Amino acid sequence: MPRFPRLSALAAVLLLAGCASDPEVRPVAETPIEGIDWRLVATTSERSVPTRGAGSAVLRVDGERFSLTGPCNQHGGAFARSGNELRFGGENGAIISTKMMCPGELMARESALLSALRQPVRAVFEGPFLSLVAADGASWRFDRRAATTEAAGEPMVVQVAGHRAPCAGGLCLQVRTQPGAAWEPYYGDIEGFAWESGVDAVLRVRETSGDDGQRKWVLVEVLETGR
């Protein structure tokens, strides 16, 4: 009796076994997205964005609902998934948002993101990253890793008040990293920033540690000023 059929059958079994053991072979629909805080880390027009404080954004899906915190307001609505197609806000893109105003840069980023989410977007998974890709090719990249794993010294956006307030060190700058949050004292000066009384400012800064181990902000750029 010819032995080829038996060898062919054995080869087929080994091939199937090899495919089953490959950890990379997994349908897109099985890639988890729910119950995870997805932090916005980049957009098509911006190679990187703040991942904490003002201007940051966190997307979360729980069941048939989603929530989005930032880049300025709070947003939420219905959520549905079909394979790698995601729909936010139901068939009509009905996303509910708060109405707080933020600096122009943050509002523009938020408006672009919401406009994309009101249409079906394609999910692309790559390691810890999730990219939402719109029909026109624009994309928003999210990272599932916690903020504690972010690179040290990453730029962030802060607001600086045009007034100082009493603190343990005398009169301190008043700062906040979330629009509408309570002002907090900042001890010392922000390196490279010339503070002016009566002028509020929105800055992009980099946080480092000084010689004494305390936090230290270094100015990257002034985004906006106003009285």
Foldseek 3Di string as FASTA:
>chain_A
DDCVVVVVVVVVVVVVVVVVPDPVDDFQVPDDQAPFWWKWAAKPVGRGFDRDFAQIKTWHDHDQKIWMPDNAWIKMAGWDDDRQKIAGHPPQLNMDIDDDDDPPVRVVVVVVVSVQNSDIWGWDDDVQKIWTAGPVGIIIIIGRDDPVPDDAFDKAKKKWDLAWDQDPVGTFIWMGRHPPDGTDGDPDDAAPDDRHHPKMWMFIWTWDADPVRDIHTHTPGTDDMDD
